[in-house]
Amino acid sequence: MHRTMLAIGVIAGLCGSAAAEEVRPLTLEQVEQVVEKSDRAVQACARGRHDTMAVLLRLEIEADGRVSSVQPTQDKPPAETGCVVRVAKKLRFPESGTHSRIDYPFMLMSKSKLFRF
């Protein structure tokens, strides 16, 4: 009887921690990894720029990792914002089990700064 109760307690503890992990919002590290993989497409939005700039976007990410909404957070977004929004809408994040809302700066760099060592 004692072993059965102990086993039930261990199993319940394991199930509880597994369920808790499934509903954590995305971490900044997870977001950065996904955005980094799409950096070439993001930088294509900067064609012709001679300076570095950030396009700050609010991403709404569903529990399954799909981007459901992308909105610029700046009052007067730069012309490149539309291009970056299109790239951001195609991103696919890891499943987190919960909705995540993230404000993220997409950095656009001029080609001269992009290849400088």
N, C-alpha and C. Protein backbone atom coordinates (compact mmCIF):
# COMPACT_ATOMS: atom_id res chain seq x y z
N MET A 1 0.82 -1.18 0.00
CA MET A 1 0.00 0.00 0.00
C MET A 1 0.87 1.25 0.00
N HIS A 2 1.91 1.24 0.81
CA HIS A 2 2.80 2.39 0.90
C HIS A 2 3.48 2.66 -0.45
N ARG A 3 3.94 1.62 -1.13
CA ARG A 3 4.60 1.77 -2.44
C ARG A 3 3.62 2.32 -3.47
N THR A 4 2.38 1.85 -3.43
CA THR A 4 1.36 2.33 -4.38
C THR A 4 1.14 3.83 -4.20
N MET A 5 1.02 4.27 -2.97
CA MET A 5 0.80 5.69 -2.70
C MET A 5 2.02 6.51 -3.13
N LEU A 6 3.21 5.98 -2.89
CA LEU A 6 4.43 6.66 -3.30
C LEU A 6 4.50 6.76 -4.82
N ALA A 7 4.18 5.68 -5.52
CA ALA A 7 4.20 5.69 -6.98
C ALA A 7 3.18 6.68 -7.54
N ILE A 8 1.99 6.71 -6.96
CA ILE A 8 0.97 7.66 -7.41
C ILE A 8 1.45 9.09 -7.20
N GLY A 9 2.09 9.34 -6.08
CA GLY A 9 2.62 10.68 -5.81
C GLY A 9 3.70 11.08 -6.80
N VAL A 10 4.59 10.17 -7.14
CA VAL A 10 5.66 10.45 -8.11
C VAL A 10 5.08 10.71 -9.49
N ILE A 11 4.13 9.86 -9.90
CA ILE A 11 3.51 10.04 -11.22
C ILE A 11 2.75 11.35 -11.29
N ALA A 12 2.01 11.68 -10.24
CA ALA A 12 1.26 12.94 -10.22
C ALA A 12 2.21 14.12 -10.29
N GLY A 13 3.33 14.03 -9.59
CA GLY A 13 4.32 15.11 -9.63
C GLY A 13 4.91 15.29 -11.01
N LEU A 14 5.21 14.18 -11.67
CA LEU A 14 5.76 14.25 -13.02
C LEU A 14 4.74 14.81 -14.00
N CYS A 15 3.51 14.40 -13.89
CA CYS A 15 2.46 14.90 -14.80
C CYS A 15 2.22 16.38 -14.57
N GLY A 16 2.24 16.79 -13.33
CA GLY A 16 2.02 18.21 -13.03
C GLY A 16 3.11 19.08 -13.61
N SER A 17 4.36 18.66 -13.51
CA SER A 17 5.45 19.48 -14.05
C SER A 17 5.44 19.47 -15.57
N ALA A 18 5.05 18.36 -16.18
CA ALA A 18 4.99 18.31 -17.65
C ALA A 18 3.90 19.24 -18.16
N ALA A 19 2.76 19.26 -17.49
CA ALA A 19 1.66 20.13 -17.91
C ALA A 19 2.06 21.59 -17.74
N ALA A 20 2.80 21.92 -16.67
CA ALA A 20 3.21 23.30 -16.45
C ALA A 20 4.16 23.77 -17.54
N GLU A 21 5.03 22.89 -18.03
CA GLU A 21 5.97 23.27 -19.07
C GLU A 21 5.28 23.55 -20.39
N GLU A 22 4.16 22.92 -20.63
CA GLU A 22 3.46 23.07 -21.90
C GLU A 22 2.82 24.44 -22.08
N VAL A 23 2.61 25.18 -21.03
CA VAL A 23 1.88 26.43 -21.14
C VAL A 23 2.73 27.66 -20.82
N ARG A 24 3.98 27.60 -21.10
CA ARG A 24 4.86 28.75 -20.88
C ARG A 24 4.93 29.59 -22.15
N PRO A 25 4.83 30.91 -22.02
CA PRO A 25 5.01 31.75 -23.21
C PRO A 25 6.41 31.56 -23.79
N LEU A 26 6.57 31.94 -25.04
CA LEU A 26 7.88 31.84 -25.67
C LEU A 26 8.89 32.72 -24.95
N THR A 27 10.12 32.26 -24.89
CA THR A 27 11.18 33.05 -24.29
C THR A 27 11.81 33.96 -25.37
N LEU A 28 12.49 34.98 -24.93
CA LEU A 28 13.18 35.86 -25.86
C LEU A 28 14.21 35.07 -26.68
N GLU A 29 14.86 34.11 -26.05
CA GLU A 29 15.85 33.29 -26.75
C GLU A 29 15.20 32.51 -27.89
N GLN A 30 14.02 31.94 -27.65
CA GLN A 30 13.32 31.19 -28.70
C GLN A 30 12.94 32.12 -29.86
N VAL A 31 12.48 33.32 -29.53
CA VAL A 31 12.10 34.28 -30.56
C VAL A 31 13.32 34.68 -31.37
N GLU A 32 14.41 34.98 -30.70
CA GLU A 32 15.64 35.37 -31.40
C GLU A 32 16.13 34.28 -32.34
N GLN A 33 16.04 33.02 -31.93
CA GLN A 33 16.50 31.92 -32.78
C GLN A 33 15.68 31.86 -34.07
N VAL A 34 14.37 32.02 -33.96
CA VAL A 34 13.51 31.97 -35.14
C VAL A 34 13.78 33.17 -36.04
N VAL A 35 13.87 34.35 -35.46
CA VAL A 35 14.11 35.56 -36.26
C VAL A 35 15.47 35.49 -36.94
N GLU A 36 16.46 34.99 -36.24
CA GLU A 36 17.81 34.86 -36.81
C GLU A 36 17.81 33.99 -38.05
N LYS A 37 17.01 32.94 -38.05
CA LYS A 37 16.94 32.05 -39.21
C LYS A 37 16.35 32.76 -40.44
N SER A 38 15.58 33.81 -40.21
CA SER A 38 14.96 34.54 -41.33
C SER A 38 15.68 35.85 -41.61
N ASP A 39 16.90 36.01 -41.09
CA ASP A 39 17.61 37.28 -41.22
C ASP A 39 17.84 37.70 -42.67
N ARG A 40 18.09 36.76 -43.54
CA ARG A 40 18.33 37.11 -44.95
C ARG A 40 17.08 37.79 -45.54
N ALA A 41 15.90 37.26 -45.24
CA ALA A 41 14.66 37.86 -45.74
C ALA A 41 14.42 39.23 -45.10
N VAL A 42 14.74 39.37 -43.82
CA VAL A 42 14.59 40.67 -43.15
C VAL A 42 15.54 41.69 -43.77
N GLN A 43 16.78 41.30 -44.00
CA GLN A 43 17.76 42.23 -44.57
C GLN A 43 17.41 42.62 -46.00
N ALA A 44 16.70 41.77 -46.71
CA ALA A 44 16.26 42.12 -48.06
C ALA A 44 15.32 43.32 -48.03
N CYS A 45 14.65 43.53 -46.92
CA CYS A 45 13.76 44.70 -46.76
C CYS A 45 14.54 46.01 -46.67
N ALA A 46 15.84 45.94 -46.42
CA ALA A 46 16.67 47.13 -46.22
C ALA A 46 17.36 47.59 -47.49
N ARG A 47 17.04 46.99 -48.62
CA ARG A 47 17.77 47.33 -49.86
C ARG A 47 17.74 48.84 -50.11
N GLY A 48 18.90 49.34 -50.40
CA GLY A 48 19.04 50.76 -50.68
C GLY A 48 19.25 51.64 -49.46
N ARG A 49 19.15 51.10 -48.26
CA ARG A 49 19.36 51.92 -47.05
C ARG A 49 20.84 52.19 -46.87
N HIS A 50 21.14 53.36 -46.35
CA HIS A 50 22.53 53.72 -46.08
C HIS A 50 22.79 53.83 -44.59
N ASP A 51 21.80 53.47 -43.79
CA ASP A 51 21.99 53.52 -42.34
C ASP A 51 21.31 52.31 -41.71
N THR A 52 21.58 52.13 -40.43
CA THR A 52 20.98 51.03 -39.69
C THR A 52 19.74 51.55 -38.97
N MET A 53 18.70 50.73 -38.94
CA MET A 53 17.48 51.14 -38.23
C MET A 53 16.78 49.91 -37.67
N ALA A 54 15.89 50.16 -36.74
CA ALA A 54 15.08 49.09 -36.16
C ALA A 54 13.62 49.32 -36.52
N VAL A 55 12.94 48.25 -36.86
CA VAL A 55 11.50 48.28 -37.06
C VAL A 55 10.91 47.48 -35.91
N LEU A 56 10.23 48.17 -34.99
CA LEU A 56 9.68 47.51 -33.81
C LEU A 56 8.27 47.02 -34.12
N LEU A 57 8.09 45.69 -33.99
CA LEU A 57 6.80 45.08 -34.30
C LEU A 57 6.26 44.33 -33.10
N ARG A 58 4.94 44.35 -32.95
CA ARG A 58 4.27 43.55 -31.93
C ARG A 58 3.77 42.27 -32.60
N LEU A 59 4.28 41.14 -32.14
CA LEU A 59 3.91 39.84 -32.68
C LEU A 59 2.94 39.14 -31.73
N GLU A 60 1.85 38.67 -32.28
CA GLU A 60 0.90 37.83 -31.54
C GLU A 60 1.14 36.41 -32.06
N ILE A 61 1.55 35.53 -31.17
CA ILE A 61 1.93 34.17 -31.56
C ILE A 61 1.01 33.19 -30.84
N GLU A 62 0.35 32.36 -31.60
CA GLU A 62 -0.59 31.39 -31.04
C GLU A 62 0.16 30.24 -30.37
N ALA A 63 -0.57 29.45 -29.61
CA ALA A 63 0.02 28.33 -28.87
C ALA A 63 0.70 27.32 -29.78
N ASP A 64 0.23 27.23 -31.03
CA ASP A 64 0.82 26.28 -31.98
C ASP A 64 2.04 26.84 -32.71
N GLY A 65 2.46 28.07 -32.38
CA GLY A 65 3.64 28.69 -32.98
C GLY A 65 3.36 29.54 -34.20
N ARG A 66 2.11 29.62 -34.61
CA ARG A 66 1.72 30.41 -35.79
C ARG A 66 1.57 31.87 -35.40
N VAL A 67 2.07 32.77 -36.26
CA VAL A 67 1.93 34.21 -36.03
C VAL A 67 0.53 34.61 -36.50
N SER A 68 -0.28 35.12 -35.58
CA SER A 68 -1.66 35.49 -35.92
C SER A 68 -1.81 36.97 -36.22
N SER A 69 -0.89 37.79 -35.72
CA SER A 69 -1.01 39.23 -35.94
C SER A 69 0.38 39.87 -35.83
N VAL A 70 0.62 40.85 -36.70
CA VAL A 70 1.85 41.63 -36.65
C VAL A 70 1.47 43.09 -36.83
N GLN A 71 1.85 43.94 -35.89
CA GLN A 71 1.54 45.36 -35.95
C GLN A 71 2.78 46.19 -35.62
N PRO A 72 3.04 47.26 -36.36
CA PRO A 72 4.13 48.16 -35.98
C PRO A 72 3.75 48.90 -34.70
N THR A 73 4.73 49.16 -33.86
CA THR A 73 4.46 49.86 -32.60
C THR A 73 4.79 51.35 -32.70
N GLN A 74 5.45 51.77 -33.77
CA GLN A 74 5.83 53.17 -33.92
C GLN A 74 4.67 53.97 -34.51
N ASP A 75 4.56 55.24 -34.09
CA ASP A 75 3.51 56.12 -34.61
C ASP A 75 3.68 56.35 -36.11
N LYS A 76 4.91 56.58 -36.53
CA LYS A 76 5.21 56.79 -37.95
C LYS A 76 6.22 55.74 -38.39
N PRO A 77 5.72 54.55 -38.74
CA PRO A 77 6.66 53.49 -39.12
C PRO A 77 7.39 53.82 -40.41
N PRO A 78 8.64 53.38 -40.53
CA PRO A 78 9.40 53.63 -41.75
C PRO A 78 8.81 52.87 -42.94
N ALA A 79 9.20 53.28 -44.13
CA ALA A 79 8.68 52.67 -45.36
C ALA A 79 8.94 51.17 -45.43
N GLU A 80 10.02 50.71 -44.84
CA GLU A 80 10.39 49.29 -44.89
C GLU A 80 9.50 48.41 -44.01
N THR A 81 8.66 49.00 -43.20
CA THR A 81 7.85 48.25 -42.24
C THR A 81 6.96 47.22 -42.93
N GLY A 82 6.33 47.57 -44.02
CA GLY A 82 5.44 46.64 -44.72
C GLY A 82 6.17 45.37 -45.13
N CYS A 83 7.38 45.52 -45.62
CA CYS A 83 8.19 44.36 -46.03
C CYS A 83 8.51 43.49 -44.82
N VAL A 84 8.90 44.10 -43.71
CA VAL A 84 9.26 43.33 -42.51
C VAL A 84 8.02 42.64 -41.93
N VAL A 85 6.87 43.30 -42.00
CA VAL A 85 5.62 42.69 -41.53
C VAL A 85 5.32 41.42 -42.33
N ARG A 86 5.50 41.48 -43.65
CA ARG A 86 5.25 40.30 -44.48
C ARG A 86 6.17 39.14 -44.10
N VAL A 87 7.43 39.45 -43.82
CA VAL A 87 8.39 38.42 -43.39
C VAL A 87 7.96 37.85 -42.03
N ALA A 88 7.61 38.73 -41.10
CA ALA A 88 7.25 38.30 -39.74
C ALA A 88 6.00 37.42 -39.73
N LYS A 89 5.06 37.68 -40.62
CA LYS A 89 3.83 36.88 -40.66
C LYS A 89 4.11 35.43 -41.06
N LYS A 90 5.21 35.20 -41.75
CA LYS A 90 5.56 33.85 -42.21
C LYS A 90 6.38 33.06 -41.20
N LEU A 91 6.82 33.71 -40.13
CA LEU A 91 7.65 33.02 -39.14
C LEU A 91 6.85 31.92 -38.45
N ARG A 92 7.54 30.87 -38.08
CA ARG A 92 6.92 29.75 -37.37
C ARG A 92 7.73 29.50 -36.11
N PHE A 93 7.09 29.65 -34.96
CA PHE A 93 7.76 29.51 -33.68
C PHE A 93 7.47 28.14 -33.08
N PRO A 94 8.26 27.73 -32.08
CA PRO A 94 7.97 26.45 -31.42
C PRO A 94 6.61 26.51 -30.72
N GLU A 95 5.95 25.38 -30.61
CA GLU A 95 4.69 25.33 -29.87
C GLU A 95 4.98 25.59 -28.39
N SER A 96 4.17 26.46 -27.80
CA SER A 96 4.38 26.79 -26.39
C SER A 96 3.20 26.39 -25.51
N GLY A 97 2.07 26.10 -26.12
CA GLY A 97 0.89 25.75 -25.34
C GLY A 97 0.09 26.94 -24.87
N THR A 98 0.57 28.14 -25.17
CA THR A 98 -0.14 29.35 -24.76
C THR A 98 0.15 30.48 -25.74
N HIS A 99 -0.69 31.49 -25.71
CA HIS A 99 -0.54 32.67 -26.57
C HIS A 99 0.63 33.51 -26.06
N SER A 100 1.43 34.04 -26.97
CA SER A 100 2.54 34.93 -26.60
C SER A 100 2.38 36.25 -27.35
N ARG A 101 2.65 37.35 -26.66
CA ARG A 101 2.65 38.68 -27.27
C ARG A 101 4.04 39.27 -27.02
N ILE A 102 4.71 39.62 -28.11
CA ILE A 102 6.10 40.07 -28.00
C ILE A 102 6.31 41.30 -28.85
N ASP A 103 6.95 42.32 -28.28
CA ASP A 103 7.43 43.47 -29.06
C ASP A 103 8.88 43.18 -29.39
N TYR A 104 9.20 43.13 -30.68
CA TYR A 104 10.53 42.71 -31.09
C TYR A 104 11.10 43.69 -32.12
N PRO A 105 12.36 44.13 -31.93
CA PRO A 105 12.99 45.03 -32.91
C PRO A 105 13.70 44.24 -34.02
N PHE A 106 13.22 44.39 -35.22
CA PHE A 106 13.87 43.79 -36.39
C PHE A 106 14.89 44.81 -36.89
N MET A 107 16.16 44.43 -36.85
CA MET A 107 17.23 45.35 -37.25
C MET A 107 17.49 45.26 -38.74
N LEU A 108 17.45 46.42 -39.39
CA LEU A 108 17.79 46.52 -40.82
C LEU A 108 19.12 47.24 -40.91
N MET A 109 20.06 46.61 -41.58
CA MET A 109 21.40 47.18 -41.68
C MET A 109 21.75 47.45 -43.14
N SER A 110 22.48 48.53 -43.35
CA SER A 110 22.93 48.81 -44.71
C SER A 110 23.93 47.74 -45.12
N LYS A 111 24.03 47.49 -46.41
CA LYS A 111 24.96 46.45 -46.88
C LYS A 111 26.40 46.77 -46.51
N SER A 112 26.76 48.04 -46.49
CA SER A 112 28.14 48.38 -46.15
C SER A 112 28.44 48.01 -44.70
N LYS A 113 27.48 48.11 -43.80
CA LYS A 113 27.70 47.74 -42.39
C LYS A 113 27.53 46.24 -42.20
N LEU A 114 26.73 45.62 -43.03
CA LEU A 114 26.46 44.20 -42.90
C LEU A 114 27.70 43.35 -43.18
N PHE A 115 28.55 43.80 -44.07
CA PHE A 115 29.72 43.02 -44.47
C PHE A 115 31.03 43.57 -43.92
N ARG A 116 30.97 44.53 -43.03
CA ARG A 116 32.17 45.10 -42.44
C ARG A 116 32.70 44.19 -41.34
N PHE A 117 34.02 43.98 -41.30
CA PHE A 117 34.63 43.13 -40.29
C PHE A 117 35.38 43.94 -39.28
